[in-house]
């Protein structure tokens, strides 16, 4: 019976070679796909929070945007129920579209989250501006 060829290492067990290869090169776990959804959830949460802050600080205040003003009644020209409903509808539509885009195109989840965070920052800046213009807001 011939022995192993000269110059080739003898391997006693194939399992030993696999375990040695596993030790030499650490396995990299694939990224958890649920972590990508965290961008979307955080972005939508910040967008909704910024919108609520803007609604709260604009309530019963003079409004420069005619689409958001109350058209008649004692609060005509001010931000009241109709404006709050329109801003809420805008926020819900934006959140729904964000989740639909993130579901359909998973690679866009981080960008969707960043977009919503940016929109939320804009709403928060408006809320801060409202407080700066009217520090005695009630």
Protein backbone atom coordinates (compact mmCIF):
# COMPACT_ATOMS: atom_id res chain seq x y z
CA UNK A 1 0.00 0.00 0.00
CA UNK A 2 1.55 3.27 -1.03
CA UNK A 3 1.96 6.05 1.54
CA UNK A 4 1.29 9.72 1.11
CA UNK A 5 3.13 11.45 -1.68
CA UNK A 6 6.34 13.15 -0.74
CA UNK A 7 5.84 16.89 -0.08
CA UNK A 8 2.08 16.76 0.62
CA UNK A 9 0.90 17.08 4.21
CA UNK A 10 -1.12 14.21 5.57
CA UNK A 11 -4.53 15.22 6.96
CA UNK A 12 -5.93 12.74 9.43
CA UNK A 13 -9.43 14.15 9.65
CA UNK A 14 -11.30 16.58 7.38
CA UNK A 15 -13.20 17.95 10.37
CA UNK A 16 -9.95 19.07 11.97
CA UNK A 17 -9.07 21.07 8.87
CA UNK A 18 -12.48 22.77 8.88
CA UNK A 19 -12.23 23.72 12.53
CA UNK A 20 -8.70 25.04 11.99
CA UNK A 21 -9.96 27.18 9.10
CA UNK A 22 -12.82 28.46 11.27
CA UNK A 23 -10.37 29.48 13.97
CA UNK A 24 -8.07 31.19 11.51
CA UNK A 25 -10.83 33.26 9.83
CA UNK A 26 -13.53 34.51 12.20
CA UNK A 27 -17.06 34.28 10.86
CA UNK A 28 -18.70 37.63 10.22
CA UNK A 29 -22.38 37.53 11.03
CA UNK A 30 -24.64 39.06 8.42
CA UNK A 31 -26.22 42.31 9.56
CA UNK A 32 -29.53 41.92 11.31
CA UNK A 33 -32.23 43.12 8.94
CA UNK A 34 -34.40 44.34 11.80
CA UNK A 35 -31.75 46.94 12.68
CA UNK A 36 -32.41 48.70 9.39
CA UNK A 37 -36.01 49.22 10.50
CA UNK A 38 -34.71 51.15 13.51
CA UNK A 39 -33.79 54.00 11.19
CA UNK A 40 -37.35 54.14 9.88
CA UNK A 41 -38.93 53.89 13.34
CA UNK A 42 -36.66 56.56 14.81
CA UNK A 43 -37.16 58.88 11.84
CA UNK A 44 -40.94 58.59 11.93
CA UNK A 45 -40.98 59.06 15.71
CA UNK A 46 -38.90 62.24 15.45
CA UNK A 47 -41.00 63.54 12.56
CA UNK A 48 -44.24 62.99 14.50
CA UNK A 49 -42.75 64.51 17.68
CA UNK A 50 -41.56 67.59 15.79
CA UNK A 51 -44.97 67.97 14.18
CA UNK A 52 -46.73 67.70 17.54
CA UNK A 53 -44.40 70.31 19.02
CA UNK A 54 -45.15 72.65 16.12
CA UNK A 55 -48.91 72.11 16.50
CA UNK A 56 -48.74 72.70 20.24
CA UNK A 57 -46.78 75.94 19.93
CA UNK A 58 -48.88 77.23 17.02
CA UNK A 59 -52.25 76.65 18.70
CA UNK A 60 -54.46 79.77 18.65
CA UNK A 61 -51.55 81.86 17.32
CA UNK A 62 -51.59 84.01 14.17
CA UNK A 63 -50.62 81.83 11.20
CA UNK A 64 -48.77 83.06 8.12
CA UNK A 65 -49.72 80.04 6.01
CA UNK A 66 -53.24 80.58 4.67
CA UNK A 67 -53.71 76.83 4.13
CA UNK A 68 -53.41 76.25 7.89
CA UNK A 69 -55.50 79.15 9.14
CA UNK A 70 -59.02 78.94 10.45
CA UNK A 71 -61.24 80.41 7.72
CA UNK A 72 -64.10 81.67 9.89
CA UNK A 73 -65.25 82.06 13.46
CA UNK A 74 -63.57 83.64 16.45
CA UNK A 75 -60.16 82.21 15.48
CA UNK A 76 -60.21 83.34 11.83
CA UNK A 77 -56.64 83.88 10.62
CA UNK A 78 -55.19 81.83 13.46
CA UNK A 79 -53.97 78.26 13.73
CA UNK A 80 -56.77 76.17 15.17
CA UNK A 81 -58.64 72.91 14.54
CA UNK A 82 -58.56 72.85 10.74
CA UNK A 83 -54.83 73.59 10.65
CA UNK A 84 -54.11 70.97 13.30
CA UNK A 85 -56.08 68.36 11.35
CA UNK A 86 -54.26 69.23 8.13
CA UNK A 87 -50.84 69.00 9.79
CA UNK A 88 -51.81 65.71 11.44
CA UNK A 89 -52.97 64.33 8.09
CA UNK A 90 -49.70 65.46 6.52
CA UNK A 91 -47.70 63.70 9.24
CA UNK A 92 -49.71 60.47 8.94
CA UNK A 93 -49.36 60.43 5.15
CA UNK A 94 -45.61 61.03 5.41
CA UNK A 95 -45.23 58.22 7.96
CA UNK A 96 -47.34 55.84 5.86
CA UNK A 97 -45.36 56.62 2.72
CA UNK A 98 -42.12 56.14 4.64
CA UNK A 99 -43.11 52.68 5.82
CA UNK A 100 -44.38 51.72 2.35
CA UNK A 101 -41.10 52.81 0.72
CA UNK A 102 -39.02 51.07 3.39
CA UNK A 103 -41.02 47.86 2.96
CA UNK A 104 -40.86 47.89 -0.84
CA UNK A 105 -37.18 48.91 -1.11
CA UNK A 106 -35.26 47.65 1.96
CA UNK A 107 -32.01 49.34 0.92
CA UNK A 108 -33.64 52.76 1.34
CA UNK A 109 -34.52 52.32 5.02
CA UNK A 110 -31.60 54.37 6.31
CA UNK A 111 -32.31 57.18 3.85
CA UNK A 112 -36.01 57.14 4.74
CA UNK A 113 -35.09 57.46 8.40
CA UNK A 114 -32.70 60.32 7.72
CA UNK A 115 -35.33 62.09 5.61
CA UNK A 116 -37.90 61.82 8.40
CA UNK A 117 -35.39 63.04 10.97
CA UNK A 118 -34.69 66.05 8.77
CA UNK A 119 -38.39 66.84 8.41
CA UNK A 120 -38.83 66.42 12.17
CA UNK A 121 -35.94 68.83 12.76
CA UNK A 122 -37.68 71.35 10.52
CA UNK A 123 -40.89 71.01 12.52
CA UNK A 124 -38.94 71.34 15.77
CA UNK A 125 -37.22 74.46 14.46
CA UNK A 126 -40.66 75.94 13.72
CA UNK A 127 -41.76 75.10 17.26
CA UNK A 128 -38.64 76.80 18.66
CA UNK A 129 -39.32 79.82 16.46
CA UNK A 130 -42.90 79.96 17.75
CA UNK A 131 -41.61 79.95 21.33
CA UNK A 132 -39.04 82.62 20.55
CA UNK A 133 -41.69 84.88 19.02
CA UNK A 134 -44.14 84.31 21.85
CA UNK A 135 -42.38 83.33 25.07
CA UNK A 136 -45.59 83.68 27.11
CA UNK A 137 -47.34 80.96 25.13
CA UNK A 138 -50.33 79.43 26.92
